[in-house]
């Protein structure tokens, strides 16, 4: 919503007015956080995040791979 160039491109292609969600009374930060949470859960479950019909991919696309950090030992409360 902060990318003016992207908003202008969407408006030009759609021939519709495009405005940041904050201007229509929604909390853009909360909406963005919810969207990333939905994408994270879908990625963790191995579900598609994008489809050919929405982003011109060759087919359904997942969100990549999850890499978990390996815990080596306990760290005390001090900065090291």
PDB file of N, CA and C in Angstrom:
ATOM      1  N   UNK A   1       0.816  -1.204   0.000  1.00  0.00           N
ATOM      2  CA  UNK A   1       0.000   0.000   0.000  1.00  0.00           C
ATOM      3  C   UNK A   1       0.853   1.259   0.000  1.00  0.00           C
ATOM      4  N   UNK A   2       2.144   1.108   0.264  1.00  0.00           N
ATOM      5  CA  UNK A   2       3.032   2.269   0.259  1.00  0.00           C
ATOM      6  C   UNK A   2       3.709   2.462  -1.091  1.00  0.00           C
ATOM      7  N   UNK A   3       3.498   1.537  -2.017  1.00  0.00           N
ATOM      8  CA  UNK A   3       4.176   1.572  -3.304  1.00  0.00           C
ATOM      9  C   UNK A   3       3.301   2.304  -4.321  1.00  0.00           C
ATOM     10  N   UNK A   4       3.574   3.579  -4.511  1.00  0.00           N
ATOM     11  CA  UNK A   4       2.766   4.400  -5.433  1.00  0.00           C
ATOM     12  C   UNK A   4       2.845   3.893  -6.862  1.00  0.00           C
ATOM     13  N   UNK A   5       4.020   3.425  -7.263  1.00  0.00           N
ATOM     14  CA  UNK A   5       4.194   2.928  -8.632  1.00  0.00           C
ATOM     15  C   UNK A   5       3.323   1.703  -8.875  1.00  0.00           C
ATOM     16  N   UNK A   6       3.297   0.785  -7.933  1.00  0.00           N
ATOM     17  CA  UNK A   6       2.470  -0.405  -8.069  1.00  0.00           C
ATOM     18  C   UNK A   6       0.992  -0.034  -8.092  1.00  0.00           C
ATOM     19  N   UNK A   7       0.577   0.857  -7.212  1.00  0.00           N
ATOM     20  CA  UNK A   7      -0.828   1.291  -7.210  1.00  0.00           C
ATOM     21  C   UNK A   7      -1.206   1.926  -8.538  1.00  0.00           C
ATOM     22  N   UNK A   8      -0.318   2.751  -9.080  1.00  0.00           N
ATOM     23  CA  UNK A   8      -0.597   3.391 -10.370  1.00  0.00           C
ATOM     24  C   UNK A   8      -0.705   2.356 -11.486  1.00  0.00           C
ATOM     25  N   UNK A   9       0.156   1.347 -11.464  1.00  0.00           N
ATOM     26  CA  UNK A   9       0.113   0.303 -12.492  1.00  0.00           C
ATOM     27  C   UNK A   9      -1.187  -0.498 -12.398  1.00  0.00           C
ATOM     28  N   UNK A  10      -1.603  -0.813 -11.182  1.00  0.00           N
ATOM     29  CA  UNK A  10      -2.861  -1.547 -10.996  1.00  0.00           C
ATOM     30  C   UNK A  10      -4.033  -0.708 -11.486  1.00  0.00           C
ATOM     31  N   UNK A  11      -4.026   0.555 -11.148  1.00  0.00           N
ATOM     32  CA  UNK A  11      -5.106   1.447 -11.588  1.00  0.00           C
ATOM     33  C   UNK A  11      -5.141   1.552 -13.109  1.00  0.00           C
ATOM     34  N   UNK A  12      -3.967   1.651 -13.731  1.00  0.00           N
ATOM     35  CA  UNK A  12      -3.906   1.781 -15.186  1.00  0.00           C
ATOM     36  C   UNK A  12      -4.423   0.527 -15.884  1.00  0.00           C
ATOM     37  N   UNK A  13      -4.057  -0.638 -15.362  1.00  0.00           N
ATOM     38  CA  UNK A  13      -4.485  -1.897 -15.994  1.00  0.00           C
ATOM     39  C   UNK A  13      -5.949  -2.214 -15.743  1.00  0.00           C
ATOM     40  N   UNK A  14      -6.439  -1.827 -14.583  1.00  0.00           N
ATOM     41  CA  UNK A  14      -7.813  -2.187 -14.227  1.00  0.00           C
ATOM     42  C   UNK A  14      -8.827  -1.113 -14.598  1.00  0.00           C
ATOM     43  N   UNK A  15      -8.338   0.078 -14.900  1.00  0.00           N
ATOM     44  CA  UNK A  15      -9.228   1.220 -15.156  1.00  0.00           C
ATOM     45  C   UNK A  15     -10.169   1.483 -13.985  1.00  0.00           C
ATOM     46  N   UNK A  16      -9.640   1.234 -12.785  1.00  0.00           N
ATOM     47  CA  UNK A  16     -10.399   1.468 -11.557  1.00  0.00           C
ATOM     48  C   UNK A  16      -9.557   2.330 -10.623  1.00  0.00           C
ATOM     49  N   UNK A  17     -10.192   3.098  -9.760  1.00  0.00           N
ATOM     50  CA  UNK A  17      -9.419   3.861  -8.782  1.00  0.00           C
ATOM     51  C   UNK A  17      -8.772   2.916  -7.766  1.00  0.00           C
ATOM     52  N   UNK A  18      -7.548   3.211  -7.368  1.00  0.00           N
ATOM     53  CA  UNK A  18      -6.823   2.405  -6.394  1.00  0.00           C
ATOM     54  C   UNK A  18      -6.353   3.329  -5.279  1.00  0.00           C
ATOM     55  N   UNK A  19      -6.680   2.973  -4.050  1.00  0.00           N
ATOM     56  CA  UNK A  19      -6.299   3.797  -2.903  1.00  0.00           C
ATOM     57  C   UNK A  19      -5.805   2.894  -1.786  1.00  0.00           C
ATOM     58  N   UNK A  20      -4.919   3.409  -0.932  1.00  0.00           N
ATOM     59  CA  UNK A  20      -4.496   2.618   0.228  1.00  0.00           C
ATOM     60  C   UNK A  20      -5.706   2.279   1.103  1.00  0.00           C
ATOM     61  N   UNK A  21      -5.707   1.090   1.682  1.00  0.00           N
ATOM     62  CA  UNK A  21      -6.853   0.662   2.484  1.00  0.00           C
ATOM     63  C   UNK A  21      -7.107   1.602   3.656  1.00  0.00           C
ATOM     64  N   UNK A  22      -6.055   2.254   4.136  1.00  0.00           N
ATOM     65  CA  UNK A  22      -6.222   3.189   5.262  1.00  0.00           C
ATOM     66  C   UNK A  22      -7.178   4.327   4.901  1.00  0.00           C
ATOM     67  N   UNK A  23      -7.196   4.682   3.611  1.00  0.00           N
ATOM     68  CA  UNK A  23      -8.054   5.783   3.171  1.00  0.00           C
ATOM     69  C   UNK A  23      -9.531   5.408   3.130  1.00  0.00           C
ATOM     70  N   UNK A  24      -9.832   4.126   3.203  1.00  0.00           N
ATOM     71  CA  UNK A  24     -11.233   3.700   3.221  1.00  0.00           C
ATOM     72  C   UNK A  24     -11.630   3.160   4.591  1.00  0.00           C
ATOM     73  N   UNK A  25     -10.819   3.467   5.607  1.00  0.00           N
ATOM     74  CA  UNK A  25     -11.187   3.155   6.978  1.00  0.00           C
ATOM     75  C   UNK A  25     -10.689   1.830   7.528  1.00  0.00           C
ATOM     76  N   UNK A  26      -9.813   1.140   6.804  1.00  0.00           N
ATOM     77  CA  UNK A  26      -9.254  -0.112   7.312  1.00  0.00           C
ATOM     78  C   UNK A  26      -7.854   0.122   7.856  1.00  0.00           C
ATOM     79  N   UNK A  27      -7.423  -0.729   8.761  1.00  0.00           N
ATOM     80  CA  UNK A  27      -6.083  -0.646   9.332  1.00  0.00           C
ATOM     81  C   UNK A  27      -5.139  -1.446   8.440  1.00  0.00           C
ATOM     82  N   UNK A  28      -4.360  -0.748   7.634  1.00  0.00           N
ATOM     83  CA  UNK A  28      -3.467  -1.395   6.684  1.00  0.00           C
ATOM     84  C   UNK A  28      -2.438  -2.293   7.337  1.00  0.00           C
ATOM     85  N   UNK A  29      -1.903  -1.899   8.482  1.00  0.00           N
ATOM     86  CA  UNK A  29      -0.913  -2.729   9.171  1.00  0.00           C
ATOM     87  C   UNK A  29      -1.531  -4.035   9.654  1.00  0.00           C
ATOM     88  N   UNK A  30      -2.732  -3.959  10.198  1.00  0.00           N
ATOM     89  CA  UNK A  30      -3.418  -5.168  10.669  1.00  0.00           C
ATOM     90  C   UNK A  30      -3.765  -6.078   9.495  1.00  0.00           C
ATOM     91  N   UNK A  31      -4.224  -5.503   8.397  1.00  0.00           N
ATOM     92  CA  UNK A  31      -4.572  -6.289   7.224  1.00  0.00           C
ATOM     93  C   UNK A  31      -3.344  -6.986   6.647  1.00  0.00           C
ATOM     94  N   UNK A  32      -2.228  -6.270   6.602  1.00  0.00           N
ATOM     95  CA  UNK A  32      -0.983  -6.857   6.106  1.00  0.00           C
ATOM     96  C   UNK A  32      -0.521  -8.006   7.008  1.00  0.00           C
ATOM     97  N   UNK A  33      -0.603  -7.821   8.326  1.00  0.00           N
ATOM     98  CA  UNK A  33      -0.210  -8.874   9.265  1.00  0.00           C
ATOM     99  C   UNK A  33      -1.081 -10.110   9.088  1.00  0.00           C
ATOM    100  N   UNK A  34      -2.381  -9.909   8.906  1.00  0.00           N
ATOM    101  CA  UNK A  34      -3.288 -11.044   8.701  1.00  0.00           C
ATOM    102  C   UNK A  34      -2.961 -11.773   7.402  1.00  0.00           C
ATOM    103  N   UNK A  35      -2.662 -11.032   6.352  1.00  0.00           N
ATOM    104  CA  UNK A  35      -2.338 -11.656   5.066  1.00  0.00           C
ATOM    105  C   UNK A  35      -1.080 -12.507   5.186  1.00  0.00           C
ATOM    106  N   UNK A  36      -0.044 -11.984   5.838  1.00  0.00           N
ATOM    107  CA  UNK A  36       1.186 -12.759   6.002  1.00  0.00           C
ATOM    108  C   UNK A  36       0.957 -13.982   6.891  1.00  0.00           C
ATOM    109  N   UNK A  37       0.089 -13.866   7.890  1.00  0.00           N
ATOM    110  CA  UNK A  37      -0.227 -15.020   8.737  1.00  0.00           C
ATOM    111  C   UNK A  37      -0.911 -16.122   7.929  1.00  0.00           C
ATOM    112  N   UNK A  38      -1.845 -15.745   7.074  1.00  0.00           N
ATOM    113  CA  UNK A  38      -2.522 -16.728   6.223  1.00  0.00           C
ATOM    114  C   UNK A  38      -1.518 -17.395   5.283  1.00  0.00           C
ATOM    115  N   UNK A  39      -0.637 -16.600   4.670  1.00  0.00           N
ATOM    116  CA  UNK A  39       0.375 -17.170   3.778  1.00  0.00           C
ATOM    117  C   UNK A  39       1.311 -18.106   4.541  1.00  0.00           C
ATOM    118  N   UNK A  40       1.694 -17.744   5.755  1.00  0.00           N
ATOM    119  CA  UNK A  40       2.594 -18.578   6.559  1.00  0.00           C
ATOM    120  C   UNK A  40       1.954 -19.921   6.888  1.00  0.00           C
ATOM    121  N   UNK A  41       0.695 -19.908   7.283  1.00  0.00           N
ATOM    122  CA  UNK A  41       0.007 -21.164   7.618  1.00  0.00           C
ATOM    123  C   UNK A  41      -0.136 -22.033   6.374  1.00  0.00           C
ATOM    124  N   UNK A  42      -0.505 -21.435   5.255  1.00  0.00           N
ATOM    125  CA  UNK A  42      -0.640 -22.212   4.018  1.00  0.00           C
ATOM    126  C   UNK A  42       0.711 -22.793   3.606  1.00  0.00           C
ATOM    127  N   UNK A  43       1.777 -22.003   3.720  1.00  0.00           N
ATOM    128  CA  UNK A  43       3.113 -22.501   3.365  1.00  0.00           C
ATOM    129  C   UNK A  43       3.523 -23.640   4.295  1.00  0.00           C
ATOM    130  N   UNK A  44       3.272 -23.491   5.586  1.00  0.00           N
ATOM    131  CA  UNK A  44       3.627 -24.537   6.554  1.00  0.00           C
ATOM    132  C   UNK A  44       2.860 -25.829   6.280  1.00  0.00           C
ATOM    133  N   UNK A  45       1.658 -25.704   5.768  1.00  0.00           N
ATOM    134  CA  UNK A  45       0.839 -26.879   5.453  1.00  0.00           C
ATOM    135  C   UNK A  45       1.089 -27.408   4.043  1.00  0.00           C
ATOM    136  N   UNK A  46       2.025 -26.781   3.305  1.00  0.00           N
ATOM    137  CA  UNK A  46       2.346 -27.222   1.951  1.00  0.00           C
ATOM    138  C   UNK A  46       1.278 -26.906   0.923  1.00  0.00           C
ATOM    139  N   UNK A  47       0.431 -25.940   1.225  1.00  0.00           N
ATOM    140  CA  UNK A  47      -0.647 -25.563   0.310  1.00  0.00           C
ATOM    141  C   UNK A  47      -0.179 -24.479  -0.651  1.00  0.00           C
ATOM    142  N   UNK A  48      -0.848 -24.377  -1.774  1.00  0.00           N
ATOM    143  CA  UNK A  48      -0.489 -23.382  -2.778  1.00  0.00           C
ATOM    144  C   UNK A  48      -0.739 -21.966  -2.255  1.00  0.00           C
ATOM    145  N   UNK A  49       0.143 -21.053  -2.655  1.00  0.00           N
ATOM    146  CA  UNK A  49      -0.006 -19.643  -2.300  1.00  0.00           C
ATOM    147  C   UNK A  49      -0.416 -18.811  -3.504  1.00  0.00           C
ATOM    148  N   UNK A  50      -0.205 -19.364  -4.688  1.00  0.00           N
ATOM    149  CA  UNK A  50      -0.532 -18.647  -5.908  1.00  0.00           C
ATOM    150  C   UNK A  50      -0.950 -19.636  -6.980  1.00  0.00           C
ATOM    151  N   UNK A  51      -1.788 -19.182  -7.884  1.00  0.00           N
ATOM    152  CA  UNK A  51      -2.322 -20.021  -8.955  1.00  0.00           C
ATOM    153  C   UNK A  51      -2.157 -19.322 -10.296  1.00  0.00           C
ATOM    154  N   UNK A  52      -2.177 -20.097 -11.359  1.00  0.00           N
ATOM    155  CA  UNK A  52      -2.040 -19.548 -12.711  1.00  0.00           C
ATOM    156  C   UNK A  52      -3.111 -18.495 -12.987  1.00  0.00           C
ATOM    157  N   UNK A  53      -4.287 -18.696 -12.455  1.00  0.00           N
ATOM    158  CA  UNK A  53      -5.388 -17.761 -12.714  1.00  0.00           C
ATOM    159  C   UNK A  53      -5.215 -16.414 -12.022  1.00  0.00           C
ATOM    160  N   UNK A  54      -4.332 -16.345 -11.016  1.00  0.00           N
ATOM    161  CA  UNK A  54      -4.158 -15.077 -10.301  1.00  0.00           C
ATOM    162  C   UNK A  54      -2.839 -14.389 -10.591  1.00  0.00           C
ATOM    163  N   UNK A  55      -1.798 -15.146 -10.892  1.00  0.00           N
ATOM    164  CA  UNK A  55      -0.490 -14.509 -11.100  1.00  0.00           C
ATOM    165  C   UNK A  55       0.248 -15.007 -12.332  1.00  0.00           C
ATOM    166  N   UNK A  56      -0.446 -15.684 -13.213  1.00  0.00           N
ATOM    167  CA  UNK A  56       0.136 -16.157 -14.478  1.00  0.00           C
ATOM    168  C   UNK A  56       1.306 -17.116 -14.280  1.00  0.00           C
ATOM    169  N   UNK A  57       1.292 -17.890 -13.200  1.00  0.00           N
ATOM    170  CA  UNK A  57       2.296 -18.937 -13.026  1.00  0.00           C
ATOM    171  C   UNK A  57       1.906 -20.122 -13.901  1.00  0.00           C
ATOM    172  N   UNK A  58       2.801 -21.088 -14.032  1.00  0.00           N
ATOM    173  CA  UNK A  58       2.489 -22.273 -14.822  1.00  0.00           C
ATOM    174  C   UNK A  58       1.489 -23.184 -14.120  1.00  0.00           C
ATOM    175  N   UNK A  59       1.323 -23.000 -12.844  1.00  0.00           N
ATOM    176  CA  UNK A  59       0.397 -23.810 -12.056  1.00  0.00           C
ATOM    177  C   UNK A  59       0.417 -23.345 -10.618  1.00  0.00           C
ATOM    178  N   UNK A  60      -0.155 -24.138  -9.736  1.00  0.00           N
ATOM    179  CA  UNK A  60      -0.166 -23.791  -8.314  1.00  0.00           C
ATOM    180  C   UNK A  60       1.268 -23.745  -7.789  1.00  0.00           C
ATOM    181  N   UNK A  61       1.574 -22.733  -6.991  1.00  0.00           N
ATOM    182  CA  UNK A  61       2.931 -22.534  -6.468  1.00  0.00           C
ATOM    183  C   UNK A  61       2.872 -22.474  -4.946  1.00  0.00           C
ATOM    184  N   UNK A  62       3.762 -23.238  -4.300  1.00  0.00           N
ATOM    185  CA  UNK A  62       3.827 -23.197  -2.843  1.00  0.00           C
ATOM    186  C   UNK A  62       4.771 -22.088  -2.399  1.00  0.00           C
ATOM    187  N   UNK A  63       4.982 -21.983  -1.106  1.00  0.00           N
ATOM    188  CA  UNK A  63       5.770 -20.894  -0.568  1.00  0.00           C
ATOM    189  C   UNK A  63       7.218 -21.223  -0.261  1.00  0.00           C
ATOM    190  N   UNK A  64       7.755 -22.264  -0.836  1.00  0.00           N
ATOM    191  CA  UNK A  64       9.160 -22.578  -0.584  1.00  0.00           C
ATOM    192  C   UNK A  64       9.305 -23.580   0.542  1.00  0.00           C
ATOM    193  N   UNK A  65      10.429 -23.506   1.249  1.00  0.00           N
ATOM    194  CA  UNK A  65      10.740 -24.490   2.290  1.00  0.00           C
ATOM    195  C   UNK A  65      10.939 -23.793   3.629  1.00  0.00           C
ATOM    196  N   UNK A  66      10.610 -24.493   4.687  1.00  0.00           N
ATOM    197  CA  UNK A  66      10.814 -23.998   6.043  1.00  0.00           C
ATOM    198  C   UNK A  66      12.095 -24.611   6.584  1.00  0.00           C
ATOM    199  N   UNK A  67      12.993 -23.788   7.032  1.00  0.00           N
ATOM    200  CA  UNK A  67      14.251 -24.265   7.614  1.00  0.00           C
ATOM    201  C   UNK A  67      14.278 -23.862   9.080  1.00  0.00           C
ATOM    202  N   UNK A  68      14.333 -24.837   9.942  1.00  0.00           N
ATOM    203  CA  UNK A  68      14.351 -24.577  11.383  1.00  0.00           C
ATOM    204  C   UNK A  68      15.790 -24.512  11.878  1.00  0.00           C
ATOM    205  N   UNK A  69      16.039 -23.590  12.795  1.00  0.00           N
ATOM    206  CA  UNK A  69      17.375 -23.457  13.388  1.00  0.00           C
ATOM    207  C   UNK A  69      17.624 -24.637  14.319  1.00  0.00           C
ATOM    208  N   UNK A  70      18.848 -25.086  14.348  1.00  0.00           N
ATOM    209  CA  UNK A  70      19.214 -26.175  15.244  1.00  0.00           C
ATOM    210  C   UNK A  70      19.707 -25.557  16.547  1.00  0.00           C
ATOM    211  N   UNK A  71      19.108 -25.953  17.666  1.00  0.00           N
ATOM    212  CA  UNK A  71      19.504 -25.430  18.967  1.00  0.00           C
ATOM    213  C   UNK A  71      20.751 -26.177  19.415  1.00  0.00           C
ATOM    214  N   UNK A  72      21.838 -25.431  19.652  1.00  0.00           N
ATOM    215  CA  UNK A  72      23.111 -26.045  20.015  1.00  0.00           C
ATOM    216  C   UNK A  72      23.283 -26.107  21.521  1.00  0.00           C
ATOM    217  N   UNK A  73      22.898 -25.084  22.215  1.00  0.00           N
ATOM    218  CA  UNK A  73      23.057 -25.059  23.666  1.00  0.00           C
ATOM    219  C   UNK A  73      22.289 -23.904  24.256  1.00  0.00           C
ATOM    220  N   UNK A  74      22.273 -23.843  25.552  1.00  0.00           N
ATOM    221  CA  UNK A  74      21.576 -22.762  26.237  1.00  0.00           C
ATOM    222  C   UNK A  74      22.437 -21.504  26.231  1.00  0.00           C
ATOM    223  N   UNK A  75      21.804 -20.375  26.105  1.00  0.00           N
ATOM    224  CA  UNK A  75      22.494 -19.090  26.159  1.00  0.00           C
ATOM    225  C   UNK A  75      22.019 -18.385  27.418  1.00  0.00           C
ATOM    226  N   UNK A  76      22.962 -17.883  28.176  1.00  0.00           N
ATOM    227  CA  UNK A  76      22.594 -17.184  29.408  1.00  0.00           C
ATOM    228  C   UNK A  76      21.981 -15.837  29.066  1.00  0.00           C
ATOM    229  N   UNK A  77      21.557 -15.121  30.070  1.00  0.00           N
ATOM    230  CA  UNK A  77      20.950 -13.814  29.869  1.00  0.00           C
ATOM    231  C   UNK A  77      21.931 -12.742  29.416  1.00  0.00           C
ATOM    232  N   UNK A  78      23.212 -13.065  29.410  1.00  0.00           N
ATOM    233  CA  UNK A  78      24.218 -12.087  28.993  1.00  0.00           C
ATOM    234  C   UNK A  78      24.321 -12.032  27.475  1.00  0.00           C
ATOM    235  N   UNK A  79      24.712 -10.866  26.977  1.00  0.00           N
ATOM    236  CA  UNK A  79      25.037 -10.762  25.554  1.00  0.00           C
ATOM    237  C   UNK A  79      26.416 -11.339  25.336  1.00  0.00           C
ATOM    238  N   UNK A  80      26.592 -12.102  24.306  1.00  0.00           N
ATOM    239  CA  UNK A  80      27.907 -12.697  24.022  1.00  0.00           C
ATOM    240  C   UNK A  80      28.484 -12.130  22.771  1.00  0.00           C
TER     241      UNK A  80
END
